[in-house]
Amino acid sequence: MLVKQNESLVLLIDMQEKLAPAIDQGKEVEQAAAWVLQIAVQLDVPVLATEQYPQGLGVTLPALAELVPEDCVMEKIHFSALREPLIAERLKLSGKTQLVIIGTETHVCVLQTAMDALAAGYQVFIVEEAVGSRTEQNRQLALLRLQQAGAQIISKEMLAFEWLDKAGTDNFRTISKGWIR
């Protein structure tokens, strides 16, 4: 199945100030997440972000927070965002059937959120470059497990081209600048 712009919602999981330095390849994960969020903003794809216990782990990284409307950042204490009634309700009210998940940690909050989303009937897409864990082994194990459970593991360019659907549009020209060198 393809990711469809009008059926998608991006869910940014726990990319927070005090957790980010511990993430393997953290800067690259942050840059990929920002790229996904920038495209979502350009294409009017809704975005929600979660913060796991922000009193302890800090708030969303500033470069990402500026791409998410303030009222779309939600605090959580469960590892799975879908176990938080307000977040689950917000997702349901969006009417979207596809969740594009990015963030940290792949083997904890991303995995548990994605598993619960699959069980709730969402089509789940994990952007491989935009998820991270403290160790690459945990990230890889989580991606394998998610794929076995039915999540689609995609690249950020797969996501962009599927959302764009065709060339020749203003959105395509704007977003594709810099792709071809």
N, C-alpha and C. Protein backbone atom coordinates (compact mmCIF):
# COMPACT_ATOMS: atom_id res chain seq x y z
N MET A 1 0.83 -1.18 0.00
CA MET A 1 0.00 0.00 0.00
C MET A 1 0.88 1.24 0.00
N LEU A 2 0.37 2.30 -0.60
CA LEU A 2 1.09 3.56 -0.67
C LEU A 2 0.61 4.50 0.43
N VAL A 3 1.48 5.41 0.80
CA VAL A 3 1.11 6.45 1.76
C VAL A 3 0.38 7.54 0.97
N LYS A 4 -0.78 7.92 1.44
CA LYS A 4 -1.57 8.93 0.74
C LYS A 4 -1.63 10.21 1.58
N GLN A 5 -1.34 11.31 0.93
CA GLN A 5 -1.28 12.60 1.61
C GLN A 5 -2.56 12.90 2.38
N ASN A 6 -3.71 12.68 1.76
CA ASN A 6 -4.98 13.06 2.39
C ASN A 6 -5.45 12.07 3.46
N GLU A 7 -4.77 10.94 3.61
CA GLU A 7 -5.13 9.95 4.63
C GLU A 7 -4.12 9.88 5.77
N SER A 8 -3.06 10.71 5.68
CA SER A 8 -1.93 10.60 6.60
C SER A 8 -1.95 11.62 7.73
N LEU A 9 -1.34 11.20 8.81
CA LEU A 9 -1.00 12.07 9.94
C LEU A 9 0.40 11.66 10.38
N VAL A 10 1.25 12.64 10.62
CA VAL A 10 2.61 12.36 11.11
C VAL A 10 2.58 12.42 12.62
N LEU A 11 3.13 11.39 13.24
CA LEU A 11 3.23 11.32 14.68
C LEU A 11 4.71 11.33 15.07
N LEU A 12 5.14 12.44 15.66
CA LEU A 12 6.52 12.60 16.14
C LEU A 12 6.56 12.15 17.59
N ILE A 13 7.34 11.11 17.85
CA ILE A 13 7.40 10.51 19.18
C ILE A 13 8.67 10.94 19.92
N ASP A 14 8.50 11.70 20.98
CA ASP A 14 9.51 11.89 22.04
C ASP A 14 10.92 12.29 21.57
N MET A 15 11.01 13.22 20.65
CA MET A 15 12.33 13.75 20.26
C MET A 15 12.63 14.92 21.19
N GLN A 16 13.14 14.59 22.37
CA GLN A 16 13.26 15.56 23.46
C GLN A 16 14.70 15.89 23.82
N GLU A 17 14.85 17.06 24.41
CA GLU A 17 16.17 17.64 24.69
C GLU A 17 17.10 16.75 25.49
N LYS A 18 16.62 16.12 26.54
CA LYS A 18 17.51 15.34 27.39
C LYS A 18 17.72 13.91 26.89
N LEU A 19 16.84 13.43 26.02
CA LEU A 19 16.98 12.09 25.45
C LEU A 19 17.84 12.12 24.19
N ALA A 20 17.72 13.16 23.41
CA ALA A 20 18.38 13.23 22.10
C ALA A 20 19.88 12.96 22.13
N PRO A 21 20.64 13.50 23.09
CA PRO A 21 22.09 13.24 23.08
C PRO A 21 22.46 11.77 23.25
N ALA A 22 21.57 10.96 23.80
CA ALA A 22 21.87 9.54 24.02
C ALA A 22 21.54 8.67 22.81
N ILE A 23 20.89 9.24 21.81
CA ILE A 23 20.46 8.46 20.64
C ILE A 23 21.62 8.26 19.67
N ASP A 24 21.84 7.01 19.27
CA ASP A 24 22.86 6.69 18.28
C ASP A 24 22.52 7.43 16.98
N GLN A 25 23.49 8.13 16.41
CA GLN A 25 23.27 8.91 15.19
C GLN A 25 22.14 9.94 15.38
N GLY A 26 22.06 10.49 16.57
CA GLY A 26 20.96 11.37 16.95
C GLY A 26 20.78 12.58 16.05
N LYS A 27 21.87 13.21 15.63
CA LYS A 27 21.76 14.38 14.76
C LYS A 27 21.15 14.01 13.42
N GLU A 28 21.53 12.86 12.88
CA GLU A 28 20.98 12.40 11.61
C GLU A 28 19.49 12.09 11.74
N VAL A 29 19.12 11.47 12.84
CA VAL A 29 17.70 11.18 13.09
C VAL A 29 16.92 12.49 13.19
N GLU A 30 17.46 13.46 13.91
CA GLU A 30 16.80 14.76 14.04
C GLU A 30 16.64 15.44 12.68
N GLN A 31 17.69 15.41 11.86
CA GLN A 31 17.62 16.03 10.53
C GLN A 31 16.59 15.34 9.65
N ALA A 32 16.53 14.03 9.70
CA ALA A 32 15.54 13.30 8.90
C ALA A 32 14.13 13.61 9.39
N ALA A 33 13.95 13.68 10.70
CA ALA A 33 12.63 14.02 11.25
C ALA A 33 12.22 15.42 10.82
N ALA A 34 13.16 16.37 10.87
CA ALA A 34 12.86 17.74 10.44
C ALA A 34 12.47 17.77 8.97
N TRP A 35 13.14 16.99 8.15
CA TRP A 35 12.84 16.92 6.71
C TRP A 35 11.42 16.42 6.51
N VAL A 36 11.05 15.35 7.21
CA VAL A 36 9.69 14.81 7.11
C VAL A 36 8.67 15.86 7.55
N LEU A 37 8.94 16.53 8.67
CA LEU A 37 8.00 17.53 9.17
C LEU A 37 7.87 18.71 8.21
N GLN A 38 8.98 19.13 7.60
CA GLN A 38 8.92 20.24 6.64
C GLN A 38 8.04 19.88 5.45
N ILE A 39 8.16 18.65 4.96
CA ILE A 39 7.33 18.22 3.83
C ILE A 39 5.86 18.15 4.26
N ALA A 40 5.63 17.63 5.45
CA ALA A 40 4.25 17.55 5.96
C ALA A 40 3.63 18.94 6.02
N VAL A 41 4.37 19.91 6.54
CA VAL A 41 3.87 21.28 6.62
C VAL A 41 3.57 21.81 5.22
N GLN A 42 4.49 21.60 4.29
CA GLN A 42 4.32 22.07 2.90
C GLN A 42 3.06 21.48 2.27
N LEU A 43 2.76 20.22 2.59
CA LEU A 43 1.64 19.53 1.96
C LEU A 43 0.37 19.51 2.83
N ASP A 44 0.38 20.25 3.92
CA ASP A 44 -0.78 20.32 4.82
C ASP A 44 -1.17 18.97 5.41
N VAL A 45 -0.18 18.14 5.66
CA VAL A 45 -0.41 16.87 6.37
C VAL A 45 -0.35 17.19 7.86
N PRO A 46 -1.38 16.83 8.62
CA PRO A 46 -1.36 17.15 10.05
C PRO A 46 -0.24 16.43 10.79
N VAL A 47 0.24 17.10 11.85
CA VAL A 47 1.33 16.58 12.66
C VAL A 47 0.92 16.66 14.13
N LEU A 48 1.18 15.58 14.86
CA LEU A 48 1.07 15.57 16.31
C LEU A 48 2.42 15.14 16.86
N ALA A 49 2.76 15.66 18.03
CA ALA A 49 4.02 15.28 18.67
C ALA A 49 3.73 14.89 20.11
N THR A 50 4.52 13.95 20.60
CA THR A 50 4.40 13.54 22.00
C THR A 50 5.69 13.87 22.75
N GLU A 51 5.52 14.08 24.05
CA GLU A 51 6.65 14.27 24.94
C GLU A 51 6.47 13.33 26.12
N GLN A 52 7.42 12.43 26.28
CA GLN A 52 7.41 11.48 27.39
C GLN A 52 7.94 12.17 28.64
N TYR A 53 7.10 12.33 29.62
CA TYR A 53 7.48 12.91 30.90
C TYR A 53 8.45 14.08 30.71
N PRO A 54 7.95 15.20 30.14
CA PRO A 54 8.84 16.33 29.83
C PRO A 54 9.54 16.94 31.05
N GLN A 55 8.98 16.76 32.25
CA GLN A 55 9.64 17.28 33.45
C GLN A 55 11.01 16.63 33.62
N GLY A 56 11.14 15.40 33.18
CA GLY A 56 12.42 14.70 33.32
C GLY A 56 13.24 14.68 32.04
N LEU A 57 12.57 14.56 30.89
CA LEU A 57 13.29 14.40 29.62
C LEU A 57 13.35 15.68 28.79
N GLY A 58 12.76 16.75 29.29
CA GLY A 58 12.78 18.01 28.55
C GLY A 58 11.70 18.04 27.48
N VAL A 59 11.69 19.13 26.75
CA VAL A 59 10.67 19.35 25.73
C VAL A 59 11.20 18.92 24.36
N THR A 60 10.35 18.99 23.38
CA THR A 60 10.72 18.65 22.00
C THR A 60 11.89 19.52 21.54
N LEU A 61 12.80 18.92 20.80
CA LEU A 61 13.95 19.65 20.28
C LEU A 61 13.48 20.90 19.53
N PRO A 62 14.12 22.04 19.75
CA PRO A 62 13.65 23.31 19.17
C PRO A 62 13.47 23.27 17.65
N ALA A 63 14.41 22.66 16.92
CA ALA A 63 14.31 22.62 15.47
C ALA A 63 13.08 21.85 14.99
N LEU A 64 12.60 20.92 15.81
CA LEU A 64 11.40 20.15 15.47
C LEU A 64 10.15 20.85 16.01
N ALA A 65 10.25 21.41 17.20
CA ALA A 65 9.11 22.06 17.83
C ALA A 65 8.59 23.20 16.97
N GLU A 66 9.47 23.89 16.26
CA GLU A 66 9.03 25.00 15.43
C GLU A 66 8.21 24.54 14.22
N LEU A 67 8.23 23.25 13.94
CA LEU A 67 7.47 22.70 12.82
C LEU A 67 6.15 22.06 13.25
N VAL A 68 5.87 22.07 14.55
CA VAL A 68 4.66 21.46 15.09
C VAL A 68 3.85 22.54 15.80
N PRO A 69 2.58 22.69 15.44
CA PRO A 69 1.76 23.68 16.17
C PRO A 69 1.77 23.36 17.67
N GLU A 70 1.85 24.41 18.48
CA GLU A 70 1.96 24.24 19.93
C GLU A 70 0.84 23.40 20.51
N ASP A 71 -0.37 23.55 19.99
CA ASP A 71 -1.50 22.78 20.52
C ASP A 71 -1.52 21.34 20.02
N CYS A 72 -0.51 20.98 19.25
CA CYS A 72 -0.40 19.60 18.74
C CYS A 72 0.71 18.82 19.43
N VAL A 73 1.27 19.37 20.50
CA VAL A 73 2.28 18.69 21.31
C VAL A 73 1.59 18.21 22.58
N MET A 74 1.65 16.89 22.81
CA MET A 74 0.92 16.30 23.92
C MET A 74 1.85 15.50 24.83
N GLU A 75 1.67 15.71 26.11
CA GLU A 75 2.45 15.00 27.12
C GLU A 75 1.90 13.58 27.29
N LYS A 76 2.82 12.65 27.57
CA LYS A 76 2.39 11.28 27.85
C LYS A 76 3.25 10.68 28.94
N ILE A 77 2.70 9.65 29.55
CA ILE A 77 3.47 8.90 30.55
C ILE A 77 3.57 7.43 30.13
N HIS A 78 2.57 6.94 29.38
CA HIS A 78 2.67 5.58 28.83
C HIS A 78 3.71 5.58 27.71
N PHE A 79 4.34 4.45 27.51
CA PHE A 79 5.29 4.35 26.40
C PHE A 79 4.55 4.41 25.08
N SER A 80 3.40 3.78 24.99
CA SER A 80 2.58 3.85 23.77
C SER A 80 1.71 5.10 23.83
N ALA A 81 1.83 5.93 22.83
CA ALA A 81 1.00 7.14 22.77
C ALA A 81 -0.48 6.80 22.72
N LEU A 82 -0.82 5.66 22.14
CA LEU A 82 -2.23 5.30 22.03
C LEU A 82 -2.84 4.85 23.35
N ARG A 83 -2.03 4.67 24.38
CA ARG A 83 -2.56 4.32 25.70
C ARG A 83 -2.96 5.57 26.49
N GLU A 84 -2.65 6.73 25.94
CA GLU A 84 -3.06 7.99 26.54
C GLU A 84 -4.42 8.36 25.94
N PRO A 85 -5.47 8.40 26.73
CA PRO A 85 -6.82 8.66 26.19
C PRO A 85 -6.91 9.92 25.33
N LEU A 86 -6.28 11.01 25.73
CA LEU A 86 -6.38 12.25 24.96
C LEU A 86 -5.70 12.13 23.60
N ILE A 87 -4.57 11.44 23.56
CA ILE A 87 -3.86 11.26 22.29
C ILE A 87 -4.66 10.32 21.38
N ALA A 88 -5.13 9.21 21.93
CA ALA A 88 -5.93 8.27 21.14
C ALA A 88 -7.17 8.96 20.57
N GLU A 89 -7.80 9.79 21.37
CA GLU A 89 -8.99 10.51 20.91
C GLU A 89 -8.63 11.53 19.82
N ARG A 90 -7.53 12.20 20.00
CA ARG A 90 -7.09 13.19 19.00
C ARG A 90 -6.80 12.50 17.67
N LEU A 91 -6.17 11.34 17.72
CA LEU A 91 -5.91 10.59 16.49
C LEU A 91 -7.23 10.16 15.83
N LYS A 92 -8.14 9.66 16.63
CA LYS A 92 -9.44 9.22 16.12
C LYS A 92 -10.19 10.38 15.48
N LEU A 93 -10.22 11.51 16.15
CA LEU A 93 -10.93 12.69 15.64
C LEU A 93 -10.32 13.24 14.35
N SER A 94 -9.04 12.95 14.12
CA SER A 94 -8.40 13.43 12.89
C SER A 94 -9.03 12.80 11.65
N GLY A 95 -9.60 11.61 11.82
CA GLY A 95 -10.19 10.90 10.69
C GLY A 95 -9.17 10.26 9.77
N LYS A 96 -7.90 10.34 10.12
CA LYS A 96 -6.85 9.77 9.28
C LYS A 96 -6.72 8.28 9.54
N THR A 97 -6.40 7.54 8.49
CA THR A 97 -6.27 6.09 8.59
C THR A 97 -4.81 5.62 8.53
N GLN A 98 -3.92 6.54 8.14
CA GLN A 98 -2.51 6.20 8.02
C GLN A 98 -1.68 7.04 8.98
N LEU A 99 -0.85 6.37 9.78
CA LEU A 99 0.05 7.06 10.69
C LEU A 99 1.48 6.90 10.19
N VAL A 100 2.14 8.02 9.99
CA VAL A 100 3.55 8.05 9.64
C VAL A 100 4.27 8.37 10.94
N ILE A 101 5.06 7.41 11.43
CA ILE A 101 5.68 7.56 12.74
C ILE A 101 7.17 7.81 12.60
N ILE A 102 7.63 8.85 13.34
CA ILE A 102 9.04 9.19 13.42
C ILE A 102 9.37 9.45 14.89
N GLY A 103 10.63 9.32 15.27
CA GLY A 103 10.99 9.68 16.63
C GLY A 103 11.83 8.64 17.35
N THR A 104 11.76 8.71 18.69
CA THR A 104 12.60 7.86 19.53
C THR A 104 11.79 7.34 20.72
N GLU A 105 12.22 6.33 21.36
CA GLU A 105 13.19 5.36 20.90
C GLU A 105 12.47 4.29 20.11
N THR A 106 13.10 3.83 19.06
CA THR A 106 12.48 2.89 18.13
C THR A 106 11.98 1.64 18.85
N HIS A 107 12.77 1.13 19.79
CA HIS A 107 12.44 -0.15 20.43
C HIS A 107 11.52 0.00 21.64
N VAL A 108 11.16 1.22 22.00
CA VAL A 108 10.30 1.43 23.17
C VAL A 108 9.04 2.16 22.72
N CYS A 109 9.07 3.47 22.73
CA CYS A 109 7.85 4.25 22.48
C CYS A 109 7.37 4.18 21.03
N VAL A 110 8.29 4.19 20.08
CA VAL A 110 7.89 4.05 18.67
C VAL A 110 7.25 2.68 18.46
N LEU A 111 7.92 1.65 18.92
CA LEU A 111 7.42 0.28 18.74
C LEU A 111 6.06 0.09 19.41
N GLN A 112 5.94 0.48 20.67
CA GLN A 112 4.69 0.24 21.39
C GLN A 112 3.54 1.06 20.79
N THR A 113 3.83 2.29 20.38
CA THR A 113 2.80 3.12 19.73
C THR A 113 2.37 2.48 18.42
N ALA A 114 3.34 2.06 17.62
CA ALA A 114 3.02 1.46 16.32
C ALA A 114 2.24 0.15 16.49
N MET A 115 2.63 -0.67 17.45
CA MET A 115 1.91 -1.93 17.68
C MET A 115 0.45 -1.66 18.07
N ASP A 116 0.24 -0.70 18.97
CA ASP A 116 -1.13 -0.36 19.36
C ASP A 116 -1.90 0.26 18.20
N ALA A 117 -1.23 1.04 17.36
CA ALA A 117 -1.88 1.64 16.20
C ALA A 117 -2.31 0.56 15.21
N LEU A 118 -1.45 -0.42 14.98
CA LEU A 118 -1.82 -1.53 14.10
C LEU A 118 -3.03 -2.28 14.67
N ALA A 119 -3.01 -2.54 15.96
CA ALA A 119 -4.13 -3.24 16.60
C ALA A 119 -5.42 -2.43 16.52
N ALA A 120 -5.30 -1.10 16.48
CA ALA A 120 -6.47 -0.23 16.39
C ALA A 120 -6.96 -0.05 14.95
N GLY A 121 -6.24 -0.66 13.98
CA GLY A 121 -6.70 -0.61 12.60
C GLY A 121 -6.04 0.44 11.72
N TYR A 122 -5.06 1.16 12.25
CA TYR A 122 -4.34 2.13 11.43
C TYR A 122 -3.36 1.43 10.50
N GLN A 123 -3.11 2.01 9.35
CA GLN A 123 -1.99 1.60 8.51
C GLN A 123 -0.79 2.40 9.03
N VAL A 124 0.29 1.70 9.33
CA VAL A 124 1.43 2.32 10.00
C VAL A 124 2.65 2.29 9.09
N PHE A 125 3.28 3.47 8.98
CA PHE A 125 4.49 3.64 8.18
C PHE A 125 5.57 4.22 9.08
N ILE A 126 6.71 3.55 9.15
CA ILE A 126 7.84 3.98 9.96
C ILE A 126 8.91 4.50 9.01
N VAL A 127 9.31 5.76 9.18
CA VAL A 127 10.35 6.34 8.32
C VAL A 127 11.71 5.95 8.91
N GLU A 128 12.39 5.06 8.22
CA GLU A 128 13.59 4.40 8.73
C GLU A 128 14.67 5.37 9.18
N GLU A 129 14.94 6.42 8.42
CA GLU A 129 16.00 7.36 8.78
C GLU A 129 15.61 8.27 9.93
N ALA A 130 14.32 8.34 10.23
CA ALA A 130 13.80 9.32 11.20
C ALA A 130 13.38 8.67 12.51
N VAL A 131 13.90 7.47 12.79
CA VAL A 131 13.69 6.83 14.09
C VAL A 131 15.05 6.41 14.64
N GLY A 132 15.18 6.47 15.96
CA GLY A 132 16.46 6.13 16.56
C GLY A 132 16.31 5.54 17.95
N SER A 133 17.35 4.86 18.36
CA SER A 133 17.47 4.27 19.69
C SER A 133 18.87 4.55 20.22
N ARG A 134 19.09 4.22 21.48
CA ARG A 134 20.42 4.41 22.05
C ARG A 134 21.44 3.48 21.41
N THR A 135 20.99 2.31 20.93
CA THR A 135 21.90 1.41 20.22
C THR A 135 21.30 1.04 18.87
N GLU A 136 22.16 0.84 17.90
CA GLU A 136 21.70 0.44 16.57
C GLU A 136 21.06 -0.94 16.61
N GLN A 137 21.55 -1.82 17.47
CA GLN A 137 20.96 -3.16 17.58
C GLN A 137 19.49 -3.07 18.00
N ASN A 138 19.19 -2.26 18.99
CA ASN A 138 17.79 -2.11 19.42
C ASN A 138 16.93 -1.51 18.31
N ARG A 139 17.49 -0.55 17.57
CA ARG A 139 16.75 0.06 16.46
C ARG A 139 16.43 -0.99 15.39
N GLN A 140 17.43 -1.77 15.03
CA GLN A 140 17.24 -2.78 13.99
C GLN A 140 16.25 -3.87 14.43
N LEU A 141 16.37 -4.33 15.66
CA LEU A 141 15.43 -5.34 16.17
C LEU A 141 14.00 -4.81 16.15
N ALA A 142 13.84 -3.55 16.54
CA ALA A 142 12.50 -2.95 16.56
C ALA A 142 11.94 -2.84 15.14
N LEU A 143 12.76 -2.41 14.19
CA LEU A 143 12.29 -2.29 12.80
C LEU A 143 11.88 -3.65 12.24
N LEU A 144 12.66 -4.67 12.54
CA LEU A 144 12.32 -6.02 12.10
C LEU A 144 11.00 -6.47 12.72
N ARG A 145 10.86 -6.28 13.99
CA ARG A 145 9.64 -6.68 14.69
C ARG A 145 8.42 -5.91 14.17
N LEU A 146 8.59 -4.62 13.93
CA LEU A 146 7.49 -3.80 13.41
C LEU A 146 7.08 -4.27 12.01
N GLN A 147 8.07 -4.57 11.19
CA GLN A 147 7.76 -5.06 9.85
C GLN A 147 7.03 -6.40 9.91
N GLN A 148 7.46 -7.29 10.78
CA GLN A 148 6.80 -8.58 10.93
C GLN A 148 5.36 -8.41 11.42
N ALA A 149 5.10 -7.35 12.17
CA ALA A 149 3.75 -7.09 12.71
C ALA A 149 2.84 -6.41 11.69
N GLY A 150 3.42 -5.95 10.58
CA GLY A 150 2.58 -5.34 9.55
C GLY A 150 2.83 -3.88 9.27
N ALA A 151 3.75 -3.26 10.00
CA ALA A 151 4.10 -1.87 9.70
C ALA A 151 4.95 -1.84 8.43
N GLN A 152 4.80 -0.79 7.67
CA GLN A 152 5.61 -0.59 6.47
C GLN A 152 6.83 0.24 6.86
N ILE A 153 8.03 -0.26 6.56
CA ILE A 153 9.25 0.48 6.83
C ILE A 153 9.62 1.19 5.52
N ILE A 154 9.66 2.52 5.57
CA ILE A 154 9.87 3.30 4.35
C ILE A 154 11.01 4.30 4.56
N SER A 155 11.50 4.85 3.45
CA SER A 155 12.49 5.92 3.51
C SER A 155 11.76 7.26 3.42
N LYS A 156 12.45 8.31 3.78
CA LYS A 156 11.83 9.63 3.73
C LYS A 156 11.51 10.02 2.28
N GLU A 157 12.34 9.61 1.32
CA GLU A 157 12.02 9.93 -0.07
C GLU A 157 10.83 9.12 -0.58
N MET A 158 10.70 7.86 -0.16
CA MET A 158 9.49 7.10 -0.51
C MET A 158 8.26 7.87 -0.05
N LEU A 159 8.31 8.33 1.19
CA LEU A 159 7.20 9.07 1.76
C LEU A 159 6.89 10.30 0.92
N ALA A 160 7.90 11.10 0.63
CA ALA A 160 7.68 12.34 -0.12
C ALA A 160 7.10 12.07 -1.50
N PHE A 161 7.67 11.12 -2.23
CA PHE A 161 7.18 10.85 -3.58
C PHE A 161 5.77 10.26 -3.56
N GLU A 162 5.45 9.45 -2.56
CA GLU A 162 4.10 8.91 -2.48
C GLU A 162 3.10 10.00 -2.12
N TRP A 163 3.46 10.89 -1.20
CA TRP A 163 2.58 12.02 -0.88
C TRP A 163 2.40 12.92 -2.10
N LEU A 164 3.48 13.19 -2.85
CA LEU A 164 3.40 14.08 -4.00
C LEU A 164 2.59 13.49 -5.14
N ASP A 165 2.69 12.21 -5.36
CA ASP A 165 1.91 11.47 -6.35
C ASP A 165 2.33 11.70 -7.79
N LYS A 166 2.71 12.93 -8.14
CA LYS A 166 3.09 13.20 -9.53
C LYS A 166 4.05 14.38 -9.60
N ALA A 167 4.78 14.44 -10.70
CA ALA A 167 5.68 15.57 -10.96
C ALA A 167 4.89 16.68 -11.63
N GLY A 168 5.54 17.82 -11.80
CA GLY A 168 4.93 18.90 -12.55
C GLY A 168 4.06 19.85 -11.74
N THR A 169 3.97 19.63 -10.44
CA THR A 169 3.17 20.52 -9.60
C THR A 169 4.10 21.51 -8.88
N ASP A 170 3.53 22.58 -8.37
CA ASP A 170 4.33 23.54 -7.60
C ASP A 170 4.94 22.86 -6.37
N ASN A 171 4.14 22.01 -5.69
CA ASN A 171 4.67 21.29 -4.53
C ASN A 171 5.85 20.42 -4.92
N PHE A 172 5.75 19.72 -6.04
CA PHE A 172 6.84 18.86 -6.48
C PHE A 172 8.09 19.69 -6.74
N ARG A 173 7.93 20.80 -7.45
CA ARG A 173 9.09 21.64 -7.77
C ARG A 173 9.75 22.17 -6.50
N THR A 174 8.94 22.61 -5.54
CA THR A 174 9.48 23.16 -4.29
C THR A 174 10.20 22.09 -3.48
N ILE A 175 9.55 20.95 -3.31
CA ILE A 175 10.09 19.90 -2.45
C ILE A 175 11.28 19.18 -3.09
N SER A 176 11.26 19.01 -4.39
CA SER A 176 12.32 18.22 -5.02
C SER A 176 13.60 19.00 -5.25
N LYS A 177 13.61 20.31 -4.99
CA LYS A 177 14.86 21.08 -5.13
C LYS A 177 15.94 20.46 -4.26
N GLY A 178 17.07 20.21 -4.84
CA GLY A 178 18.17 19.65 -4.08
C GLY A 178 18.24 18.13 -4.07
N TRP A 179 17.18 17.44 -4.55
CA TRP A 179 17.22 15.98 -4.59
C TRP A 179 18.18 15.49 -5.67
N ILE A 180 18.12 16.14 -6.82
CA ILE A 180 18.94 15.71 -7.96
C ILE A 180 20.16 16.61 -8.05
N ARG A 181 21.30 16.00 -7.99
CA ARG A 181 22.54 16.79 -8.02
C ARG A 181 23.29 16.52 -9.30
